[in-house]
Amino acid sequence: MTPSRRTFIMTLAATGAAVTAVTANNAFAQAKLDEKDPQAVALGYVSDTTKADTKKYPKHEAAQMCSDCALWQSKPTDALGNCPLFAGKQVNAKGWCSAWAKKAA
């Protein structure tokens, strides 16, 4: 039985979408957020929570880290992870920004 043109085109489209998704994920995983990035500066992001500006952010606590944030989208043990606030870039697990929110228990 030979595949129909419709089956061929559907398979081709699905394969293209899968390749695009894999490529996008690999590109996403490679970029590390720079503290000088405009979005990072706007949110007071630092790659080391102990270096956060406590005068500017008095509610900051040293125990607050990206890996413990509700926005963290990676494994808790990952050194770098994904945050929706910094699309296309990874944040340091021990980092912090002013959008930090406690994870639900």
N, C-alpha and C. Protein backbone atom coordinates (compact mmCIF):
# COMPACT_ATOMS: atom_id res chain seq x y z
N MET A 1 0.85 -1.18 0.00
CA MET A 1 0.00 0.00 0.00
C MET A 1 0.89 1.25 0.00
N THR A 2 0.69 2.12 -0.95
CA THR A 2 1.49 3.33 -1.03
C THR A 2 0.80 4.45 -0.26
N PRO A 3 1.59 5.25 0.44
CA PRO A 3 0.98 6.35 1.20
C PRO A 3 0.41 7.40 0.25
N SER A 4 -0.68 7.99 0.70
CA SER A 4 -1.31 9.03 -0.11
C SER A 4 -0.52 10.33 0.02
N ARG A 5 -0.81 11.23 -0.89
CA ARG A 5 -0.16 12.54 -0.85
C ARG A 5 -0.49 13.25 0.46
N ARG A 6 -1.71 13.11 0.91
CA ARG A 6 -2.14 13.76 2.14
C ARG A 6 -1.35 13.22 3.35
N THR A 7 -1.16 11.92 3.42
CA THR A 7 -0.39 11.31 4.50
C THR A 7 1.05 11.80 4.46
N PHE A 8 1.62 11.86 3.27
CA PHE A 8 2.98 12.33 3.10
C PHE A 8 3.13 13.78 3.61
N ILE A 9 2.23 14.64 3.22
CA ILE A 9 2.29 16.06 3.62
C ILE A 9 2.09 16.20 5.13
N MET A 10 1.17 15.44 5.70
CA MET A 10 0.94 15.50 7.15
C MET A 10 2.19 15.03 7.91
N THR A 11 2.83 13.97 7.42
CA THR A 11 4.04 13.46 8.05
C THR A 11 5.17 14.48 7.94
N LEU A 12 5.28 15.07 6.76
CA LEU A 12 6.31 16.09 6.55
C LEU A 12 6.11 17.29 7.49
N ALA A 13 4.88 17.74 7.65
CA ALA A 13 4.59 18.87 8.53
C ALA A 13 4.90 18.53 9.98
N ALA A 14 4.53 17.33 10.42
CA ALA A 14 4.79 16.92 11.80
C ALA A 14 6.29 16.80 12.07
N THR A 15 7.02 16.28 11.10
CA THR A 15 8.47 16.16 11.25
C THR A 15 9.12 17.54 11.33
N GLY A 16 8.67 18.45 10.48
CA GLY A 16 9.22 19.81 10.51
C GLY A 16 8.96 20.49 11.84
N ALA A 17 7.75 20.30 12.40
CA ALA A 17 7.43 20.90 13.69
C ALA A 17 8.29 20.30 14.79
N ALA A 18 8.54 19.00 14.73
CA ALA A 18 9.37 18.35 15.75
C ALA A 18 10.81 18.84 15.67
N VAL A 19 11.34 18.97 14.48
CA VAL A 19 12.71 19.46 14.31
C VAL A 19 12.82 20.89 14.81
N THR A 20 11.84 21.72 14.52
CA THR A 20 11.84 23.11 14.98
C THR A 20 11.80 23.16 16.51
N ALA A 21 10.98 22.32 17.12
CA ALA A 21 10.89 22.31 18.58
C ALA A 21 12.20 21.89 19.21
N VAL A 22 12.84 20.87 18.68
CA VAL A 22 14.12 20.41 19.21
C VAL A 22 15.18 21.50 19.04
N THR A 23 15.22 22.13 17.89
CA THR A 23 16.19 23.20 17.64
C THR A 23 15.95 24.36 18.60
N ALA A 24 14.70 24.74 18.80
CA ALA A 24 14.37 25.85 19.70
C ALA A 24 14.77 25.50 21.13
N ASN A 25 14.53 24.27 21.56
CA ASN A 25 14.90 23.87 22.92
C ASN A 25 16.40 23.88 23.10
N ASN A 26 17.15 23.43 22.11
CA ASN A 26 18.61 23.44 22.22
C ASN A 26 19.14 24.86 22.26
N ALA A 27 18.60 25.75 21.46
CA ALA A 27 19.03 27.14 21.46
C ALA A 27 18.68 27.78 22.80
N PHE A 28 17.51 27.45 23.34
CA PHE A 28 17.07 28.00 24.61
C PHE A 28 18.01 27.56 25.73
N ALA A 29 18.41 26.31 25.69
CA ALA A 29 19.24 25.76 26.75
C ALA A 29 20.66 26.32 26.73
N GLN A 30 21.11 26.86 25.63
CA GLN A 30 22.49 27.30 25.51
C GLN A 30 22.73 28.72 26.01
N ALA A 31 21.74 29.56 25.99
CA ALA A 31 21.94 30.97 26.36
C ALA A 31 21.82 31.15 27.88
N LYS A 32 22.83 31.80 28.47
CA LYS A 32 22.81 32.09 29.90
C LYS A 32 22.52 33.58 30.08
N LEU A 33 21.65 33.91 31.01
CA LEU A 33 21.27 35.29 31.25
C LEU A 33 22.44 36.09 31.80
N ASP A 34 22.70 37.21 31.18
CA ASP A 34 23.74 38.14 31.62
C ASP A 34 23.10 39.14 32.59
N GLU A 35 23.75 39.41 33.68
CA GLU A 35 23.21 40.36 34.67
C GLU A 35 23.03 41.76 34.09
N LYS A 36 23.71 42.06 32.99
CA LYS A 36 23.60 43.37 32.36
C LYS A 36 22.49 43.43 31.31
N ASP A 37 21.82 42.31 31.07
CA ASP A 37 20.69 42.28 30.16
C ASP A 37 19.63 43.26 30.67
N PRO A 38 19.01 44.05 29.79
CA PRO A 38 18.03 45.05 30.24
C PRO A 38 16.90 44.48 31.11
N GLN A 39 16.39 43.31 30.75
CA GLN A 39 15.33 42.68 31.55
C GLN A 39 15.87 42.28 32.92
N ALA A 40 17.10 41.76 32.96
CA ALA A 40 17.73 41.37 34.23
C ALA A 40 17.93 42.58 35.13
N VAL A 41 18.40 43.67 34.55
CA VAL A 41 18.63 44.91 35.31
C VAL A 41 17.29 45.42 35.87
N ALA A 42 16.27 45.39 35.04
CA ALA A 42 14.95 45.89 35.46
C ALA A 42 14.39 45.11 36.65
N LEU A 43 14.71 43.81 36.72
CA LEU A 43 14.20 42.98 37.81
C LEU A 43 15.22 42.74 38.92
N GLY A 44 16.37 43.39 38.82
CA GLY A 44 17.39 43.25 39.86
C GLY A 44 18.02 41.87 39.91
N TYR A 45 18.05 41.16 38.78
CA TYR A 45 18.60 39.81 38.75
C TYR A 45 20.09 39.79 39.06
N VAL A 46 20.47 38.84 39.92
CA VAL A 46 21.88 38.56 40.19
C VAL A 46 22.05 37.04 40.12
N SER A 47 23.19 36.59 39.64
CA SER A 47 23.41 35.15 39.51
C SER A 47 23.75 34.50 40.84
N ASP A 48 24.00 35.30 41.86
CA ASP A 48 24.28 34.82 43.21
C ASP A 48 23.40 35.60 44.18
N THR A 49 22.47 34.92 44.82
CA THR A 49 21.50 35.58 45.69
C THR A 49 22.14 36.39 46.81
N THR A 50 23.34 36.02 47.23
CA THR A 50 24.00 36.76 48.31
C THR A 50 24.48 38.14 47.85
N LYS A 51 24.47 38.37 46.54
CA LYS A 51 24.92 39.66 46.00
C LYS A 51 23.75 40.59 45.65
N ALA A 52 22.54 40.22 46.05
CA ALA A 52 21.37 41.06 45.78
C ALA A 52 21.47 42.36 46.57
N ASP A 53 20.97 43.44 45.99
CA ASP A 53 20.99 44.76 46.62
C ASP A 53 19.90 44.81 47.69
N THR A 54 20.28 44.61 48.94
CA THR A 54 19.30 44.56 50.03
C THR A 54 18.74 45.93 50.39
N LYS A 55 19.44 46.97 50.01
CA LYS A 55 18.90 48.32 50.25
C LYS A 55 17.77 48.61 49.26
N LYS A 56 17.97 48.21 48.03
CA LYS A 56 16.95 48.43 47.01
C LYS A 56 15.81 47.42 47.13
N TYR A 57 16.13 46.22 47.61
CA TYR A 57 15.14 45.14 47.76
C TYR A 57 15.15 44.64 49.20
N PRO A 58 14.57 45.39 50.13
CA PRO A 58 14.63 45.03 51.55
C PRO A 58 13.92 43.72 51.91
N LYS A 59 13.03 43.23 51.07
CA LYS A 59 12.34 41.97 51.36
C LYS A 59 13.16 40.75 50.95
N HIS A 60 14.31 40.99 50.31
CA HIS A 60 15.17 39.87 49.90
C HIS A 60 15.73 39.15 51.12
N GLU A 61 15.77 37.82 51.03
CA GLU A 61 16.39 37.00 52.06
C GLU A 61 17.41 36.09 51.38
N ALA A 62 18.51 35.81 52.04
CA ALA A 62 19.59 35.01 51.45
C ALA A 62 19.12 33.60 51.06
N ALA A 63 18.09 33.09 51.68
CA ALA A 63 17.58 31.75 51.37
C ALA A 63 16.77 31.72 50.07
N GLN A 64 16.39 32.87 49.55
CA GLN A 64 15.61 32.93 48.32
C GLN A 64 16.53 32.74 47.12
N MET A 65 16.27 31.69 46.35
CA MET A 65 17.06 31.40 45.15
C MET A 65 16.13 31.04 44.01
N CYS A 66 16.59 31.23 42.81
CA CYS A 66 15.79 30.92 41.63
C CYS A 66 15.25 29.49 41.66
N SER A 67 16.07 28.54 42.10
CA SER A 67 15.64 27.14 42.11
C SER A 67 14.50 26.89 43.09
N ASP A 68 14.26 27.81 44.02
CA ASP A 68 13.17 27.68 44.98
C ASP A 68 11.98 28.58 44.63
N CYS A 69 12.05 29.23 43.48
CA CYS A 69 11.01 30.17 43.06
C CYS A 69 9.87 29.43 42.35
N ALA A 70 8.68 29.97 42.47
CA ALA A 70 7.52 29.39 41.80
C ALA A 70 7.64 29.46 40.28
N LEU A 71 8.47 30.35 39.77
CA LEU A 71 8.64 30.51 38.32
C LEU A 71 9.68 29.55 37.73
N TRP A 72 10.48 28.90 38.56
CA TRP A 72 11.53 27.99 38.11
C TRP A 72 10.90 26.84 37.33
N GLN A 73 11.37 26.59 36.12
CA GLN A 73 10.78 25.58 35.25
C GLN A 73 11.73 24.43 34.93
N SER A 74 12.70 24.20 35.78
CA SER A 74 13.66 23.12 35.57
C SER A 74 13.70 22.23 36.80
N LYS A 75 14.54 21.21 36.76
CA LYS A 75 14.68 20.33 37.91
C LYS A 75 15.32 21.09 39.06
N PRO A 76 14.92 20.77 40.28
CA PRO A 76 15.50 21.48 41.44
C PRO A 76 17.01 21.32 41.55
N THR A 77 17.57 20.27 40.96
CA THR A 77 19.01 20.01 41.06
C THR A 77 19.82 20.63 39.92
N ASP A 78 19.17 21.22 38.92
CA ASP A 78 19.87 21.82 37.79
C ASP A 78 20.62 23.08 38.23
N ALA A 79 21.83 23.26 37.72
CA ALA A 79 22.63 24.46 38.04
C ALA A 79 22.10 25.68 37.30
N LEU A 80 21.57 25.48 36.10
CA LEU A 80 20.94 26.53 35.31
C LEU A 80 19.54 26.07 34.96
N GLY A 81 18.63 27.02 34.86
CA GLY A 81 17.26 26.63 34.55
C GLY A 81 16.49 27.69 33.80
N ASN A 82 15.28 27.32 33.45
CA ASN A 82 14.42 28.20 32.67
C ASN A 82 13.49 29.01 33.57
N CYS A 83 13.30 30.25 33.19
CA CYS A 83 12.38 31.16 33.87
C CYS A 83 11.59 31.89 32.78
N PRO A 84 10.27 31.90 32.88
CA PRO A 84 9.47 32.57 31.84
C PRO A 84 9.72 34.08 31.75
N LEU A 85 10.27 34.68 32.77
CA LEU A 85 10.55 36.12 32.73
C LEU A 85 11.72 36.45 31.81
N PHE A 86 12.59 35.46 31.60
CA PHE A 86 13.78 35.67 30.78
C PHE A 86 13.78 34.67 29.63
N ALA A 87 12.80 34.76 28.78
CA ALA A 87 12.62 33.82 27.67
C ALA A 87 13.88 33.73 26.81
N GLY A 88 14.26 32.50 26.49
CA GLY A 88 15.40 32.28 25.63
C GLY A 88 16.74 32.28 26.36
N LYS A 89 16.71 32.47 27.68
CA LYS A 89 17.95 32.51 28.46
C LYS A 89 17.75 31.71 29.74
N GLN A 90 18.82 31.16 30.24
CA GLN A 90 18.75 30.40 31.48
C GLN A 90 19.30 31.22 32.64
N VAL A 91 18.71 31.00 33.80
CA VAL A 91 19.14 31.70 35.01
C VAL A 91 19.90 30.74 35.91
N ASN A 92 20.73 31.28 36.77
CA ASN A 92 21.49 30.47 37.71
C ASN A 92 20.56 30.00 38.83
N ALA A 93 20.66 28.75 39.21
CA ALA A 93 19.81 28.19 40.27
C ALA A 93 19.99 28.95 41.58
N LYS A 94 21.20 29.46 41.81
CA LYS A 94 21.49 30.21 43.05
C LYS A 94 21.28 31.70 42.87
N GLY A 95 20.68 32.08 41.75
CA GLY A 95 20.41 33.48 41.48
C GLY A 95 19.15 33.97 42.18
N TRP A 96 18.82 35.23 41.90
CA TRP A 96 17.63 35.85 42.50
C TRP A 96 17.21 37.05 41.68
N CYS A 97 15.92 37.36 41.67
CA CYS A 97 15.42 38.61 41.10
C CYS A 97 14.23 39.08 41.93
N SER A 98 13.82 40.29 41.70
CA SER A 98 12.74 40.89 42.52
C SER A 98 11.38 40.24 42.28
N ALA A 99 11.26 39.41 41.25
CA ALA A 99 9.98 38.73 40.99
C ALA A 99 9.92 37.39 41.73
N TRP A 100 10.91 37.10 42.57
CA TRP A 100 10.94 35.82 43.29
C TRP A 100 9.64 35.63 44.06
N ALA A 101 9.09 34.43 43.94
CA ALA A 101 7.85 34.07 44.65
C ALA A 101 8.01 32.68 45.23
N LYS A 102 7.58 32.50 46.45
CA LYS A 102 7.73 31.21 47.12
C LYS A 102 6.93 30.13 46.39
N LYS A 103 7.57 28.97 46.22
CA LYS A 103 6.91 27.82 45.61
C LYS A 103 5.80 27.33 46.53
N ALA A 104 4.72 26.89 45.94
CA ALA A 104 3.65 26.30 46.73
C ALA A 104 4.13 24.97 47.29
N ALA A 105 3.76 24.70 48.50
CA ALA A 105 4.22 23.46 49.16
C ALA A 105 3.57 22.22 48.65
